[in-house]
Amino acid sequence: MKEHTFKLPDLGEGLTEAVIQQWHIKESENVAADQLLLTVETDKSLVDIPAVDKGMVTSLLKKAGDRVYVGEAMCSILSEDLSPVVGNIPQTIVQKPAITQARKFKIHPDAMELAKELLLSDTQLLEIQQSCTIIQKSNINNYINKVKQTPMQRISQASEQRATSTLIDHAPINLPCHITSNLLTAIYQASQEHTQLKISKIGIAIDDNDITQIVTPPIDADYNQTVKTISQLKQYISARQFPNSWLEKPDILFSNFGSIAGRYGIPLLCSSSNISVGVGQLFTENDHTTIPLTIVFDHAHITGGAIARFLKSLKEKIKNK
């Protein structure tokens, strides 16, 4: 069991804040999945917000009448801490879109988050609604399987909708025992020097046979701790399950495709990340071992100058490891 913070979810339609009208639960109360937690009022409508999973409410962090913003903590819930690998990119249990009265269909918050990830239209959701009372993730997965669209095709579709730009470079590197840990630590350290990037979670793309997964293990500036974390990651991959805290949306996506082959590549952006860092296969230049780097970013959210400064810092961190 683990205590999770439930945050005000995406309210849709560009809304970023709401006022709490009523709590429908109290502290120490056990809640079930889909049970109504609270009602908030936006500029456009009243919005009912249900629980994502079952658990016990340990504390209410806001009260009726408080103005809250998307992503702000609302309450704490004690619930299970493990989620299985299901073959597509899972979503965080914390921040889920709410259901507004203006929608023409009924949909669970988990399913709405998945629908956004897959770029499903209202027309498609209405089509799915015809076969069920409330749209669940399973209904969406069945629909996607019917149209035979792979997870990577969906990520590609999402990436194509964004104004992406790419920077390509390479850096000399001293070969460590754990090169992946070296790179992840360097990415974290470089990102912390440029706080405008707002990077706190690094996602790692896993593509192993039937598994398409993005996980966000705890990565920080401690190289030795990162080595331990990557060792844990390998164990979780073998067990085909990860802690829920490792399934939150990443701020930056890491793809080490060069461990297999390929010097330079253009990694895709998943819908939750504005930056992807691709690492290519090592090569020798001027008697130095060199590592290729590719950074793809959403130019609508991040300037080229910010990414160039991040890339410069990243090269320095890699070189000095």
Protein backbone atom coordinates (compact mmCIF):
# COMPACT_ATOMS: atom_id res chain seq x y z
CA MET A 1 0.00 0.00 0.00
CA LYS A 2 1.16 3.54 -0.71
CA GLU A 3 -0.26 7.01 -0.13
CA HIS A 4 -0.92 8.81 -3.42
CA THR A 5 -1.76 12.47 -3.92
CA PHE A 6 -4.91 13.04 -5.97
CA LYS A 7 -4.56 16.24 -8.02
CA LEU A 8 -7.12 18.37 -9.82
CA PRO A 9 -7.28 16.71 -13.26
CA ASP A 10 -7.39 18.23 -16.71
CA LEU A 11 -10.84 19.83 -16.98
CA GLY A 12 -10.73 20.12 -20.77
CA GLU A 13 -11.71 23.05 -23.00
CA GLY A 14 -8.63 25.04 -21.93
CA LEU A 15 -9.82 25.40 -18.32
CA THR A 16 -7.04 25.69 -15.73
CA GLU A 17 -8.87 26.39 -12.46
CA ALA A 18 -12.08 25.69 -10.56
CA VAL A 19 -13.79 26.31 -7.22
CA ILE A 20 -14.64 23.37 -4.95
CA GLN A 21 -18.40 23.23 -4.48
CA GLN A 22 -18.73 20.07 -2.40
CA TRP A 23 -16.75 17.08 -1.14
CA HIS A 24 -18.69 13.82 -1.36
CA ILE A 25 -16.25 11.89 0.85
CA LYS A 26 -14.54 12.44 4.18
CA GLU A 27 -11.22 11.52 5.78
CA SER A 28 -10.71 7.84 6.77
CA GLU A 29 -13.48 6.82 4.35
CA ASN A 30 -12.90 3.90 1.98
CA VAL A 31 -13.71 4.75 -1.63
CA ALA A 32 -14.26 2.55 -4.67
CA ALA A 33 -13.08 3.08 -8.22
CA ASP A 34 -15.42 5.50 -10.04
CA GLN A 35 -16.95 6.74 -6.76
CA LEU A 36 -17.70 10.46 -6.82
CA LEU A 37 -15.08 12.37 -4.81
CA LEU A 38 -16.06 16.01 -5.26
CA THR A 39 -17.84 18.55 -7.43
CA VAL A 40 -16.12 21.69 -8.68
CA GLU A 41 -17.42 24.71 -10.59
CA THR A 42 -15.59 26.13 -13.60
CA ASP A 43 -16.41 29.16 -15.71
CA LYS A 44 -18.46 26.88 -17.96
CA SER A 45 -20.12 24.16 -15.87
CA LEU A 46 -20.20 21.97 -12.79
CA VAL A 47 -17.74 19.07 -12.99
CA ASP A 48 -18.02 15.81 -11.04
CA ILE A 49 -14.64 14.22 -10.30
CA PRO A 50 -14.58 10.45 -9.51
CA ALA A 51 -11.92 8.31 -7.84
CA VAL A 52 -9.48 6.60 -10.18
CA ASP A 53 -8.91 3.55 -7.98
CA LYS A 54 -10.12 2.10 -4.70
CA GLY A 55 -8.42 3.07 -1.44
CA MET A 56 -8.81 4.96 1.83
CA VAL A 57 -8.91 8.76 2.03
CA THR A 58 -6.17 9.78 4.47
CA SER A 59 -6.57 13.55 4.24
CA LEU A 60 -8.51 16.30 2.47
CA LEU A 61 -6.06 19.02 1.45
CA LYS A 62 -8.66 21.57 0.27
CA LYS A 63 -12.08 22.66 1.53
CA ALA A 64 -15.33 23.75 -0.10
CA GLY A 65 -14.99 27.27 -1.51
CA ASP A 66 -11.25 26.97 -2.23
CA ARG A 67 -10.03 27.90 -5.71
CA VAL A 68 -7.76 25.19 -7.10
CA TYR A 69 -5.66 24.83 -10.25
CA VAL A 70 -5.06 21.89 -12.57
CA GLY A 71 -2.30 19.74 -11.09
CA GLU A 72 -2.80 21.06 -7.55
CA ALA A 73 -3.08 18.47 -4.74
CA MET A 74 -6.67 17.85 -3.59
CA CYS A 75 -6.50 14.89 -1.22
CA SER A 76 -4.38 11.87 -0.29
CA ILE A 77 -5.53 8.28 -0.86
CA LEU A 78 -3.90 5.08 0.42
CA SER A 79 -4.05 2.43 -2.31
CA GLU A 80 -2.19 -0.45 -3.96
CA ASP A 81 1.24 0.35 -5.43
CA LEU A 82 1.74 -2.08 -8.34
CA SER A 83 0.35 -2.04 -11.87
CA PRO A 84 0.89 -4.75 -14.51
CA VAL A 85 2.42 -4.28 -17.95
CA VAL A 86 -0.47 -4.30 -20.41
CA GLY A 87 1.20 -3.83 -23.78
CA ASN A 88 0.53 -0.13 -24.24
CA ILE A 89 1.63 3.05 -22.57
CA PRO A 90 -0.04 3.23 -19.14
CA GLN A 91 -1.17 6.42 -17.50
CA THR A 92 -0.45 7.91 -14.08
CA ILE A 93 -2.97 7.12 -11.36
CA VAL A 94 -2.73 10.66 -10.02
CA GLN A 95 -3.87 13.24 -12.57
CA LYS A 96 -6.92 12.20 -14.62
CA PRO A 97 -9.27 14.29 -16.76
CA ALA A 98 -12.67 15.00 -15.20
CA ILE A 99 -16.05 14.40 -16.79
CA THR A 100 -17.95 17.58 -17.64
CA GLN A 101 -21.71 17.79 -18.04
CA ALA A 102 -21.23 19.26 -21.51
CA ARG A 103 -19.90 15.98 -22.95
CA LYS A 104 -22.19 13.94 -25.18
CA PHE A 105 -20.79 10.64 -23.90
CA LYS A 106 -20.05 9.06 -20.52
CA ILE A 107 -16.43 8.08 -20.02
CA HIS A 108 -14.23 7.00 -17.11
CA PRO A 109 -11.28 9.36 -16.36
CA ASP A 110 -8.76 6.54 -17.11
CA ALA A 111 -10.43 6.04 -20.48
CA MET A 112 -10.47 9.78 -21.24
CA GLU A 113 -6.73 9.99 -20.55
CA LEU A 114 -6.13 7.06 -22.91
CA ALA A 115 -8.41 8.64 -25.53
CA LYS A 116 -6.31 11.83 -25.39
CA GLU A 117 -3.11 9.81 -25.74
CA LEU A 118 -4.54 8.09 -28.83
CA LEU A 119 -5.98 11.33 -30.27
CA LEU A 120 -9.45 9.82 -30.53
CA SER A 121 -12.12 12.23 -31.74
CA ASP A 122 -15.55 12.82 -30.15
CA THR A 123 -17.03 10.99 -33.14
CA GLN A 124 -14.94 7.91 -32.39
CA LEU A 125 -15.85 8.04 -28.70
CA LEU A 126 -19.53 8.30 -29.57
CA GLU A 127 -19.08 5.23 -31.77
CA ILE A 128 -17.52 3.35 -28.85
CA GLN A 129 -20.34 4.57 -26.55
CA GLN A 130 -22.86 2.63 -28.65
CA SER A 131 -21.56 -0.66 -27.25
CA CYS A 132 -21.41 0.27 -23.54
CA THR A 133 -22.99 2.41 -20.83
CA ILE A 134 -19.76 4.06 -19.64
CA ILE A 135 -16.64 4.00 -21.81
CA GLN A 136 -13.82 2.15 -20.02
CA LYS A 137 -10.18 1.66 -21.07
CA SER A 138 -11.06 -1.88 -22.14
CA ASN A 139 -13.66 -0.51 -24.57
CA ILE A 140 -11.07 1.80 -26.12
CA ASN A 141 -8.48 -0.98 -26.34
CA ASN A 142 -11.01 -3.24 -28.05
CA TYR A 143 -11.82 -0.46 -30.51
CA ILE A 144 -8.13 0.16 -31.28
CA ASN A 145 -7.47 -3.56 -31.73
CA LYS A 146 -10.36 -3.67 -34.17
CA VAL A 147 -8.77 -1.00 -36.37
CA LYS A 148 -5.37 -2.73 -35.95
CA GLN A 149 -3.34 0.29 -34.95
CA THR A 150 -0.13 -0.51 -33.04
CA PRO A 151 1.01 1.50 -29.99
CA MET A 152 3.95 2.95 -31.92
CA GLN A 153 1.64 4.02 -34.74
CA ARG A 154 -0.40 5.92 -32.18
CA ILE A 155 2.69 7.58 -30.73
CA SER A 156 3.77 8.49 -34.25
CA GLN A 157 0.37 10.01 -34.96
CA ALA A 158 0.58 12.10 -31.80
CA SER A 159 4.11 13.23 -32.67
CA GLU A 160 3.07 14.33 -36.16
CA GLN A 161 0.56 16.77 -34.66
CA ARG A 162 3.32 18.79 -32.96
CA ALA A 163 5.70 21.54 -34.13
CA THR A 164 8.89 19.58 -33.53
CA SER A 165 12.48 20.66 -34.17
CA THR A 166 15.69 18.64 -33.93
CA LEU A 167 19.27 19.26 -32.79
CA ILE A 168 22.00 16.70 -33.56
CA ASP A 169 25.48 16.63 -32.07
CA HIS A 170 27.98 14.27 -30.47
CA ALA A 171 30.26 14.31 -27.43
CA PRO A 172 33.44 12.53 -26.28
CA ILE A 173 32.76 10.09 -23.47
CA ASN A 174 34.83 8.11 -20.97
CA LEU A 175 33.45 4.59 -21.06
CA PRO A 176 31.98 3.75 -17.64
CA CYS A 177 30.79 0.37 -16.42
CA HIS A 178 27.17 1.51 -16.59
CA ILE A 179 26.79 3.79 -19.60
CA THR A 180 22.97 4.05 -19.38
CA SER A 181 23.19 5.23 -15.77
CA ASN A 182 25.90 7.69 -16.83
CA LEU A 183 23.67 9.15 -19.54
CA LEU A 184 20.53 9.38 -17.40
CA THR A 185 22.41 11.10 -14.57
CA ALA A 186 23.96 13.53 -17.07
CA ILE A 187 20.53 14.33 -18.56
CA TYR A 188 19.11 15.04 -15.10
CA GLN A 189 22.07 17.20 -14.05
CA ALA A 190 21.99 19.21 -17.29
CA SER A 191 18.24 19.76 -17.00
CA GLN A 192 18.54 21.13 -13.47
CA GLU A 193 20.85 23.89 -14.75
CA HIS A 194 18.02 25.14 -16.96
CA THR A 195 14.97 25.37 -14.74
CA GLN A 196 12.85 26.86 -17.53
CA LEU A 197 12.67 23.33 -18.98
CA LYS A 198 10.74 22.20 -15.87
CA ILE A 199 12.13 18.67 -15.94
CA SER A 200 11.64 16.43 -12.91
CA LYS A 201 10.83 13.00 -14.36
CA ILE A 202 12.83 11.18 -17.04
CA GLY A 203 10.94 8.54 -19.00
CA ILE A 204 12.68 5.51 -20.49
CA ALA A 205 11.23 3.90 -23.60
CA ILE A 206 11.01 0.12 -23.42
CA ASP A 207 10.24 -1.77 -26.61
CA ASP A 208 10.71 -5.49 -25.97
CA ASN A 209 8.75 -7.93 -28.13
CA ASP A 210 5.07 -7.35 -27.21
CA ILE A 211 5.84 -4.71 -24.58
CA THR A 212 5.56 -1.03 -25.47
CA GLN A 213 6.13 0.83 -22.24
CA ILE A 214 7.35 4.18 -20.96
CA VAL A 215 8.48 4.11 -17.34
CA THR A 216 9.68 6.95 -15.12
CA PRO A 217 12.09 5.48 -12.55
CA PRO A 218 13.50 7.86 -9.92
CA ILE A 219 16.55 9.50 -11.53
CA ASP A 220 18.52 12.27 -9.85
CA ALA A 221 22.07 13.63 -9.68
CA ASP A 222 23.41 10.59 -7.76
CA TYR A 223 25.11 8.28 -10.29
CA ASN A 224 25.48 5.38 -7.83
CA GLN A 225 21.77 5.51 -6.99
CA THR A 226 20.91 5.58 -10.69
CA VAL A 227 22.95 2.39 -11.18
CA LYS A 228 20.79 0.71 -8.51
CA THR A 229 17.62 2.08 -10.08
CA ILE A 230 18.48 0.66 -13.52
CA SER A 231 19.17 -2.71 -11.89
CA GLN A 232 15.68 -2.54 -10.35
CA LEU A 233 14.24 -1.61 -13.75
CA LYS A 234 15.61 -4.81 -15.29
CA GLN A 235 13.97 -6.84 -12.52
CA TYR A 236 10.62 -5.11 -13.05
CA ILE A 237 10.83 -5.75 -16.80
CA SER A 238 11.37 -9.47 -16.13
CA ALA A 239 8.45 -9.51 -13.69
CA ARG A 240 6.32 -7.49 -16.13
CA GLN A 241 5.10 -5.07 -13.47
CA PHE A 242 6.17 -1.68 -12.16
CA PRO A 243 5.38 0.48 -9.12
CA ASN A 244 2.69 3.04 -9.92
CA SER A 245 5.16 5.78 -9.04
CA TRP A 246 7.20 4.60 -12.06
CA LEU A 247 4.26 5.05 -14.43
CA GLU A 248 3.76 8.79 -14.19
CA LYS A 249 4.02 11.01 -17.23
CA PRO A 250 7.62 11.93 -18.14
CA ASP A 251 8.86 15.47 -18.71
CA ILE A 252 11.62 14.19 -20.99
CA LEU A 253 11.90 10.89 -22.89
CA PHE A 254 15.16 8.93 -23.18
CA SER A 255 15.76 6.44 -26.01
CA ASN A 256 19.02 4.48 -26.05
CA PHE A 257 18.54 2.98 -29.51
CA GLY A 258 22.31 2.97 -30.11
CA SER A 259 22.75 0.07 -27.71
CA ILE A 260 21.45 -2.04 -30.60
CA ALA A 261 22.55 -0.19 -33.75
CA GLY A 262 22.33 3.20 -35.42
CA ARG A 263 24.42 6.33 -35.02
CA TYR A 264 21.79 9.06 -35.39
CA GLY A 265 18.01 8.80 -35.18
CA ILE A 266 14.99 11.05 -34.72
CA PRO A 267 13.05 9.79 -31.65
CA LEU A 268 9.33 10.43 -31.42
CA LEU A 269 7.66 12.67 -28.86
CA CYS A 270 4.97 11.04 -26.76
CA SER A 271 2.04 13.33 -25.99
CA SER A 272 3.11 14.01 -22.40
CA SER A 273 6.72 15.07 -23.14
CA ASN A 274 8.11 18.16 -24.83
CA ILE A 275 11.66 16.76 -25.18
CA SER A 276 13.11 13.45 -26.40
CA VAL A 277 16.80 12.58 -26.16
CA GLY A 278 18.05 9.84 -28.49
CA VAL A 279 21.47 8.27 -27.96
CA GLY A 280 23.20 6.54 -30.87
CA GLN A 281 25.91 3.91 -31.20
CA LEU A 282 29.40 4.83 -30.01
CA PHE A 283 32.12 5.50 -32.59
CA THR A 284 35.76 6.64 -32.57
CA GLU A 285 36.76 10.14 -33.71
CA ASN A 286 40.23 11.64 -33.26
CA ASP A 287 41.17 8.71 -31.01
CA HIS A 288 38.28 9.53 -28.65
CA THR A 289 35.21 7.40 -28.00
CA THR A 290 32.28 9.54 -29.11
CA ILE A 291 28.56 9.27 -28.47
CA PRO A 292 25.93 10.69 -30.89
CA LEU A 293 23.08 12.75 -29.44
CA THR A 294 19.75 13.72 -30.98
CA ILE A 295 17.29 16.02 -29.24
CA VAL A 296 13.75 16.42 -30.57
CA PHE A 297 11.59 19.08 -28.92
CA ASP A 298 8.23 20.77 -29.25
CA HIS A 299 9.07 24.25 -30.52
CA ALA A 300 5.62 25.48 -29.51
CA HIS A 301 6.59 25.05 -25.85
CA ILE A 302 10.40 25.35 -25.76
CA THR A 303 12.71 27.75 -27.59
CA GLY A 304 15.63 26.58 -29.68
CA GLY A 305 17.98 28.60 -27.49
CA ALA A 306 16.84 26.77 -24.35
CA ILE A 307 17.42 23.39 -25.99
CA ALA A 308 20.83 24.48 -27.34
CA ARG A 309 21.91 25.48 -23.83
CA PHE A 310 20.59 22.19 -22.46
CA LEU A 311 22.50 20.26 -25.14
CA LYS A 312 25.71 22.15 -24.36
CA SER A 313 25.38 21.31 -20.66
CA LEU A 314 24.57 17.68 -21.47
CA LYS A 315 27.74 17.34 -23.58
CA GLU A 316 29.84 18.78 -20.74
CA LYS A 317 28.31 16.42 -18.19
CA ILE A 318 28.90 13.38 -20.42
CA LYS A 319 32.50 14.39 -21.15
CA ASN A 320 33.34 14.91 -17.47
CA LYS A 321 31.83 11.65 -16.18
